N, C-alpha and C. Protein backbone atom coordinates (compact mmCIF):
# COMPACT_ATOMS: atom_id res chain seq x y z
N MET A 1 -30.75 -9.63 35.16
CA MET A 1 -30.11 -8.92 34.06
C MET A 1 -28.69 -8.56 34.48
N LEU A 2 -27.80 -8.72 33.55
CA LEU A 2 -26.40 -8.40 33.77
C LEU A 2 -26.13 -6.98 33.30
N THR A 3 -25.50 -6.19 34.15
CA THR A 3 -25.16 -4.82 33.79
C THR A 3 -23.64 -4.69 33.76
N ILE A 4 -23.16 -4.21 32.65
CA ILE A 4 -21.72 -3.98 32.52
C ILE A 4 -21.50 -2.48 32.58
N ARG A 5 -20.73 -2.07 33.55
CA ARG A 5 -20.42 -0.65 33.70
C ARG A 5 -19.39 -0.23 32.66
N GLN A 6 -19.34 1.06 32.42
CA GLN A 6 -18.42 1.60 31.42
C GLN A 6 -16.97 1.24 31.75
N ALA A 7 -16.59 1.32 33.00
CA ALA A 7 -15.21 0.98 33.40
C ALA A 7 -14.91 -0.49 33.11
N GLN A 8 -15.88 -1.37 33.32
CA GLN A 8 -15.69 -2.79 33.03
C GLN A 8 -15.56 -3.01 31.52
N PHE A 9 -16.41 -2.32 30.78
CA PHE A 9 -16.36 -2.43 29.34
C PHE A 9 -15.01 -1.95 28.81
N GLU A 10 -14.51 -0.84 29.31
CA GLU A 10 -13.21 -0.32 28.88
C GLU A 10 -12.08 -1.29 29.22
N ALA A 11 -12.14 -1.90 30.39
CA ALA A 11 -11.12 -2.88 30.77
C ALA A 11 -11.17 -4.09 29.83
N PHE A 12 -12.36 -4.53 29.51
CA PHE A 12 -12.54 -5.64 28.58
C PHE A 12 -11.98 -5.27 27.20
N ARG A 13 -12.28 -4.07 26.74
CA ARG A 13 -11.82 -3.59 25.44
C ARG A 13 -10.29 -3.51 25.39
N ARG A 14 -9.68 -3.00 26.45
CA ARG A 14 -8.21 -2.92 26.50
C ARG A 14 -7.59 -4.31 26.43
N ASN A 15 -8.23 -5.28 27.07
CA ASN A 15 -7.73 -6.66 27.04
C ASN A 15 -7.80 -7.23 25.62
N ILE A 16 -8.89 -6.99 24.94
CA ILE A 16 -9.04 -7.45 23.55
C ILE A 16 -7.98 -6.78 22.67
N ASP A 17 -7.79 -5.48 22.85
CA ASP A 17 -6.78 -4.77 22.07
C ASP A 17 -5.39 -5.34 22.32
N ARG A 18 -5.07 -5.66 23.56
CA ARG A 18 -3.76 -6.22 23.89
C ARG A 18 -3.58 -7.58 23.23
N ILE A 19 -4.63 -8.39 23.27
CA ILE A 19 -4.56 -9.72 22.64
C ILE A 19 -4.33 -9.57 21.14
N GLN A 20 -5.05 -8.66 20.49
CA GLN A 20 -4.87 -8.46 19.06
C GLN A 20 -3.48 -7.91 18.76
N LEU A 21 -2.99 -7.02 19.60
CA LEU A 21 -1.64 -6.49 19.43
C LEU A 21 -0.62 -7.60 19.55
N ASP A 22 -0.79 -8.47 20.54
CA ASP A 22 0.13 -9.59 20.74
C ASP A 22 0.12 -10.56 19.56
N ARG A 23 -1.00 -10.69 18.87
CA ARG A 23 -1.08 -11.54 17.67
C ARG A 23 -0.46 -10.85 16.47
N LEU A 24 -0.64 -9.54 16.40
CA LEU A 24 -0.21 -8.79 15.23
C LEU A 24 1.32 -8.69 15.14
N ILE A 25 1.99 -8.54 16.25
CA ILE A 25 3.44 -8.34 16.25
C ILE A 25 4.18 -9.49 15.56
N PRO A 26 3.98 -10.75 15.98
CA PRO A 26 4.70 -11.82 15.28
C PRO A 26 4.26 -12.00 13.83
N GLN A 27 3.01 -11.70 13.54
CA GLN A 27 2.52 -11.79 12.16
C GLN A 27 3.27 -10.80 11.27
N LEU A 28 3.44 -9.57 11.74
CA LEU A 28 4.17 -8.57 10.98
C LEU A 28 5.62 -8.98 10.78
N GLN A 29 6.25 -9.51 11.83
CA GLN A 29 7.64 -9.93 11.73
C GLN A 29 7.80 -11.08 10.74
N GLU A 30 6.82 -11.96 10.69
CA GLU A 30 6.87 -13.09 9.76
C GLU A 30 6.67 -12.64 8.31
N GLU A 31 5.68 -11.78 8.10
CA GLU A 31 5.35 -11.36 6.73
C GLU A 31 6.33 -10.33 6.17
N PHE A 32 6.91 -9.52 7.04
CA PHE A 32 7.79 -8.45 6.60
C PHE A 32 9.10 -8.47 7.38
N PRO A 33 9.89 -9.54 7.21
CA PRO A 33 11.09 -9.69 8.05
C PRO A 33 12.11 -8.57 7.86
N GLY A 34 12.23 -8.03 6.68
CA GLY A 34 13.18 -6.94 6.47
C GLY A 34 12.73 -5.62 7.07
N ARG A 35 11.44 -5.48 7.24
CA ARG A 35 10.87 -4.23 7.76
C ARG A 35 10.88 -4.19 9.27
N PHE A 36 10.66 -5.34 9.89
CA PHE A 36 10.57 -5.42 11.35
C PHE A 36 11.63 -6.36 11.87
N ASP A 37 12.83 -5.83 12.02
CA ASP A 37 13.95 -6.66 12.44
C ASP A 37 14.05 -6.80 13.96
N SER A 38 13.28 -6.02 14.69
CA SER A 38 13.29 -6.15 16.15
C SER A 38 11.86 -6.15 16.68
N PRO A 39 11.66 -6.78 17.82
CA PRO A 39 10.32 -6.76 18.42
C PRO A 39 9.84 -5.34 18.74
N ASP A 40 10.78 -4.45 19.08
CA ASP A 40 10.39 -3.07 19.39
C ASP A 40 9.82 -2.35 18.18
N SER A 41 10.45 -2.54 17.01
CA SER A 41 9.94 -1.87 15.81
C SER A 41 8.58 -2.44 15.41
N ALA A 42 8.42 -3.74 15.54
CA ALA A 42 7.13 -4.36 15.23
C ALA A 42 6.06 -3.90 16.22
N HIS A 43 6.43 -3.80 17.50
CA HIS A 43 5.47 -3.35 18.52
C HIS A 43 5.03 -1.92 18.26
N ALA A 44 5.99 -1.04 17.95
CA ALA A 44 5.65 0.36 17.69
C ALA A 44 4.72 0.48 16.49
N PHE A 45 5.03 -0.26 15.43
CA PHE A 45 4.19 -0.20 14.23
C PHE A 45 2.82 -0.79 14.51
N ALA A 46 2.77 -1.94 15.19
CA ALA A 46 1.49 -2.58 15.51
C ALA A 46 0.64 -1.66 16.38
N SER A 47 1.25 -0.92 17.27
CA SER A 47 0.51 0.03 18.11
C SER A 47 -0.11 1.13 17.26
N THR A 48 0.63 1.59 16.25
CA THR A 48 0.10 2.59 15.33
C THR A 48 -1.08 2.03 14.54
N VAL A 49 -0.95 0.80 14.10
CA VAL A 49 -2.05 0.14 13.37
C VAL A 49 -3.28 0.04 14.27
N MET A 50 -3.08 -0.41 15.50
CA MET A 50 -4.21 -0.57 16.43
C MET A 50 -4.89 0.77 16.70
N HIS A 51 -4.10 1.83 16.81
CA HIS A 51 -4.67 3.16 17.05
C HIS A 51 -5.53 3.59 15.85
N LYS A 52 -5.02 3.38 14.65
CA LYS A 52 -5.78 3.73 13.45
C LYS A 52 -7.04 2.87 13.34
N ALA A 53 -6.91 1.59 13.65
CA ALA A 53 -8.07 0.70 13.61
C ALA A 53 -9.13 1.15 14.60
N GLU A 54 -8.70 1.48 15.80
CA GLU A 54 -9.67 1.93 16.82
C GLU A 54 -10.35 3.23 16.39
N ALA A 55 -9.57 4.17 15.87
CA ALA A 55 -10.14 5.45 15.43
C ALA A 55 -11.10 5.27 14.26
N SER A 56 -10.92 4.19 13.50
CA SER A 56 -11.75 3.92 12.31
C SER A 56 -12.83 2.88 12.56
N ASN A 57 -12.98 2.44 13.81
CA ASN A 57 -13.96 1.41 14.18
C ASN A 57 -13.75 0.12 13.39
N ILE A 58 -12.50 -0.27 13.26
CA ILE A 58 -12.14 -1.53 12.62
C ILE A 58 -11.79 -2.49 13.74
N GLU A 59 -12.57 -3.56 13.89
CA GLU A 59 -12.44 -4.39 15.08
C GLU A 59 -11.99 -5.82 14.83
N SER A 60 -12.35 -6.41 13.69
CA SER A 60 -12.01 -7.82 13.48
C SER A 60 -10.51 -7.95 13.24
N TYR A 61 -9.94 -9.05 13.70
CA TYR A 61 -8.51 -9.25 13.54
C TYR A 61 -8.12 -9.30 12.07
N GLY A 62 -8.93 -9.94 11.24
CA GLY A 62 -8.62 -10.01 9.82
C GLY A 62 -8.54 -8.63 9.18
N ALA A 63 -9.46 -7.76 9.52
CA ALA A 63 -9.45 -6.40 8.97
C ALA A 63 -8.26 -5.61 9.52
N ILE A 64 -7.94 -5.81 10.79
CA ILE A 64 -6.78 -5.13 11.37
C ILE A 64 -5.50 -5.61 10.70
N LEU A 65 -5.39 -6.89 10.46
CA LEU A 65 -4.20 -7.43 9.79
C LEU A 65 -4.08 -6.87 8.38
N GLU A 66 -5.18 -6.81 7.66
CA GLU A 66 -5.13 -6.25 6.30
C GLU A 66 -4.79 -4.76 6.35
N LEU A 67 -5.31 -4.03 7.33
CA LEU A 67 -4.94 -2.63 7.51
C LEU A 67 -3.44 -2.52 7.74
N ALA A 68 -2.89 -3.39 8.57
CA ALA A 68 -1.44 -3.39 8.83
C ALA A 68 -0.67 -3.62 7.54
N ARG A 69 -1.10 -4.58 6.73
CA ARG A 69 -0.42 -4.86 5.46
C ARG A 69 -0.42 -3.64 4.55
N LEU A 70 -1.56 -2.97 4.48
CA LEU A 70 -1.65 -1.77 3.66
C LEU A 70 -0.78 -0.65 4.22
N MET A 71 -0.75 -0.54 5.54
CA MET A 71 0.07 0.51 6.16
C MET A 71 1.56 0.24 5.99
N VAL A 72 1.97 -1.01 5.94
CA VAL A 72 3.37 -1.32 5.68
C VAL A 72 3.74 -0.82 4.28
N ARG A 73 2.86 -1.07 3.34
CA ARG A 73 3.16 -0.71 1.94
C ARG A 73 3.00 0.78 1.65
N PHE A 74 2.02 1.43 2.31
CA PHE A 74 1.69 2.81 1.97
C PHE A 74 1.91 3.81 3.10
N GLY A 75 2.26 3.33 4.27
CA GLY A 75 2.50 4.24 5.40
C GLY A 75 1.26 4.44 6.24
N PRO A 76 1.44 5.06 7.40
CA PRO A 76 0.34 5.24 8.34
C PRO A 76 -0.80 6.10 7.81
N ASN A 77 -0.51 6.98 6.87
CA ASN A 77 -1.55 7.83 6.27
C ASN A 77 -1.89 7.34 4.87
N LEU A 78 -2.16 6.04 4.79
CA LEU A 78 -2.39 5.41 3.49
C LEU A 78 -3.52 6.04 2.70
N GLU A 79 -4.46 6.66 3.37
CA GLU A 79 -5.56 7.29 2.65
C GLU A 79 -5.07 8.45 1.77
N GLN A 80 -3.87 8.95 2.02
CA GLN A 80 -3.32 10.02 1.19
C GLN A 80 -2.94 9.53 -0.21
N TYR A 81 -2.81 8.21 -0.38
CA TYR A 81 -2.51 7.65 -1.70
C TYR A 81 -3.76 7.57 -2.56
N LEU A 82 -4.89 7.86 -1.97
CA LEU A 82 -6.17 7.87 -2.66
C LEU A 82 -6.59 9.32 -2.77
N ASP A 83 -7.80 9.54 -3.16
CA ASP A 83 -8.38 10.86 -2.98
C ASP A 83 -8.48 11.01 -1.47
N PRO A 84 -7.71 11.93 -0.86
CA PRO A 84 -7.67 12.00 0.61
C PRO A 84 -9.04 12.17 1.26
N ALA A 85 -9.92 12.94 0.63
CA ALA A 85 -11.26 13.13 1.20
C ALA A 85 -12.03 11.82 1.17
N TRP A 86 -11.90 11.06 0.08
CA TRP A 86 -12.60 9.78 -0.03
C TRP A 86 -12.06 8.80 1.00
N GLY A 87 -10.73 8.70 1.11
CA GLY A 87 -10.12 7.78 2.07
C GLY A 87 -10.52 8.11 3.50
N ALA A 88 -10.48 9.38 3.84
CA ALA A 88 -10.86 9.79 5.19
C ALA A 88 -12.33 9.52 5.45
N ALA A 89 -13.17 9.74 4.43
CA ALA A 89 -14.61 9.49 4.59
C ALA A 89 -14.88 8.01 4.82
N ILE A 90 -14.17 7.14 4.10
CA ILE A 90 -14.36 5.71 4.28
C ILE A 90 -13.95 5.30 5.70
N LEU A 91 -12.77 5.73 6.12
CA LEU A 91 -12.28 5.33 7.44
C LEU A 91 -13.12 5.88 8.58
N SER A 92 -13.70 7.05 8.40
CA SER A 92 -14.48 7.65 9.50
C SER A 92 -15.96 7.32 9.44
N HIS A 93 -16.40 6.64 8.39
CA HIS A 93 -17.82 6.33 8.22
C HIS A 93 -18.31 5.47 9.38
N LYS A 94 -19.37 5.90 10.01
CA LYS A 94 -19.87 5.22 11.22
C LYS A 94 -20.66 3.95 10.92
N ALA A 95 -21.32 3.90 9.77
CA ALA A 95 -22.20 2.76 9.49
C ALA A 95 -21.51 1.61 8.77
N LEU A 96 -20.40 1.88 8.10
CA LEU A 96 -19.71 0.81 7.37
C LEU A 96 -18.98 -0.12 8.32
N PRO A 97 -19.12 -1.43 8.15
CA PRO A 97 -18.33 -2.37 8.96
C PRO A 97 -16.86 -2.25 8.60
N GLY A 98 -16.00 -2.53 9.56
CA GLY A 98 -14.56 -2.42 9.37
C GLY A 98 -14.03 -3.26 8.22
N ASP A 99 -14.56 -4.48 8.07
CA ASP A 99 -14.10 -5.35 6.98
C ASP A 99 -14.40 -4.72 5.62
N LEU A 100 -15.54 -4.07 5.51
CA LEU A 100 -15.91 -3.42 4.25
C LEU A 100 -15.03 -2.20 3.99
N LYS A 101 -14.73 -1.43 5.03
CA LYS A 101 -13.83 -0.29 4.88
C LYS A 101 -12.49 -0.74 4.31
N ILE A 102 -11.95 -1.80 4.88
CA ILE A 102 -10.65 -2.31 4.43
C ILE A 102 -10.75 -2.82 3.00
N ASP A 103 -11.84 -3.47 2.67
CA ASP A 103 -12.02 -3.97 1.30
C ASP A 103 -12.05 -2.81 0.31
N PHE A 104 -12.77 -1.74 0.65
CA PHE A 104 -12.80 -0.56 -0.23
C PHE A 104 -11.40 0.03 -0.40
N LEU A 105 -10.69 0.19 0.70
CA LEU A 105 -9.34 0.76 0.63
C LEU A 105 -8.40 -0.13 -0.18
N ARG A 106 -8.46 -1.43 0.10
CA ARG A 106 -7.58 -2.37 -0.59
C ARG A 106 -7.83 -2.35 -2.10
N ARG A 107 -9.10 -2.32 -2.49
CA ARG A 107 -9.43 -2.31 -3.92
C ARG A 107 -8.91 -1.04 -4.61
N ARG A 108 -8.96 0.08 -3.90
CA ARG A 108 -8.46 1.32 -4.48
C ARG A 108 -6.94 1.36 -4.51
N LEU A 109 -6.31 0.78 -3.49
CA LEU A 109 -4.85 0.81 -3.39
C LEU A 109 -4.18 -0.32 -4.17
N GLU A 110 -4.90 -1.40 -4.41
CA GLU A 110 -4.35 -2.60 -5.03
C GLU A 110 -3.56 -2.33 -6.31
N PRO A 111 -4.04 -1.49 -7.22
CA PRO A 111 -3.26 -1.24 -8.45
C PRO A 111 -1.88 -0.65 -8.16
N ARG A 112 -1.69 -0.07 -7.00
CA ARG A 112 -0.41 0.55 -6.66
C ARG A 112 0.53 -0.41 -5.93
N ILE A 113 0.05 -1.61 -5.61
CA ILE A 113 0.89 -2.60 -4.94
C ILE A 113 1.63 -3.39 -6.01
N PRO A 114 2.97 -3.45 -5.95
CA PRO A 114 3.70 -4.25 -6.94
C PRO A 114 3.21 -5.70 -6.91
N ALA A 115 3.13 -6.34 -8.07
CA ALA A 115 2.59 -7.70 -8.18
C ALA A 115 3.28 -8.67 -7.24
N GLU A 116 4.60 -8.54 -7.06
CA GLU A 116 5.32 -9.48 -6.20
C GLU A 116 4.98 -9.30 -4.72
N ASP A 117 4.40 -8.16 -4.36
CA ASP A 117 4.04 -7.92 -2.96
C ASP A 117 2.59 -8.27 -2.64
N ARG A 118 1.81 -8.59 -3.65
CA ARG A 118 0.39 -8.89 -3.42
C ARG A 118 0.22 -10.23 -2.74
N GLN A 119 -0.82 -10.31 -1.93
CA GLN A 119 -1.19 -11.57 -1.31
C GLN A 119 -1.78 -12.46 -2.39
N PRO A 120 -1.73 -13.80 -2.23
CA PRO A 120 -2.25 -14.69 -3.28
C PRO A 120 -3.68 -14.38 -3.70
N ASP A 121 -4.56 -14.03 -2.76
CA ASP A 121 -5.95 -13.75 -3.11
C ASP A 121 -6.09 -12.45 -3.88
N GLN A 122 -5.09 -11.57 -3.84
CA GLN A 122 -5.14 -10.32 -4.57
C GLN A 122 -4.65 -10.51 -6.00
N GLN A 123 -3.96 -11.61 -6.31
CA GLN A 123 -3.43 -11.83 -7.64
C GLN A 123 -4.45 -12.46 -8.57
N ASP A 124 -5.49 -13.06 -8.00
CA ASP A 124 -6.51 -13.68 -8.84
C ASP A 124 -7.15 -12.63 -9.75
N GLY A 125 -7.13 -12.90 -11.03
CA GLY A 125 -7.78 -12.00 -11.99
C GLY A 125 -6.95 -10.80 -12.36
N GLN A 126 -5.80 -10.56 -11.75
CA GLN A 126 -5.00 -9.39 -12.04
C GLN A 126 -4.23 -9.53 -13.35
N GLU A 127 -4.00 -10.76 -13.80
CA GLU A 127 -3.22 -10.96 -15.00
C GLU A 127 -3.99 -10.62 -16.27
N GLU A 128 -5.30 -10.58 -16.20
CA GLU A 128 -6.11 -10.32 -17.37
C GLU A 128 -6.13 -8.84 -17.75
N GLY A 129 -6.05 -7.95 -16.77
CA GLY A 129 -6.23 -6.52 -17.01
C GLY A 129 -5.00 -5.84 -17.23
C-alpha cells in the first residue's frame, strides 16, 4: 500500500496550482489584452483567481478559467453582483463540484455581461429572450 503523507500531498498540490497558474496567465493576456498589458498584472490577477478557486474548492482548469473570466468582468468579489448571501453560499458549498458552482454563478451573472463580451457558447439562445 502506498501512503502519501500530508507534506507530500501539499507539495503535490502546490505543483498543480503552479501549473494551472502558468497556464492561466497567457490565457488571460490573450483573451483580455487591454486588461493585462504586462505579465506582472496578469500574474497578480491569476494569483487572486487561484486563491478564490482554492477557497471555493474549484479545481478543474476549465472551471478556474471560467471563474477568471467572470472575475475580469465583475471583479474579485463577483458574488456581490448577485444576492451576496446566495453567491457566498454557492462558493462555500462543500458538496457542490466546482464546475457546477461556476455554472450557477455564470447563469446568474450572464444577463449582466454585455453581448459583445460573451463567449460563443453563452450567446446560444440569448437572441430569443
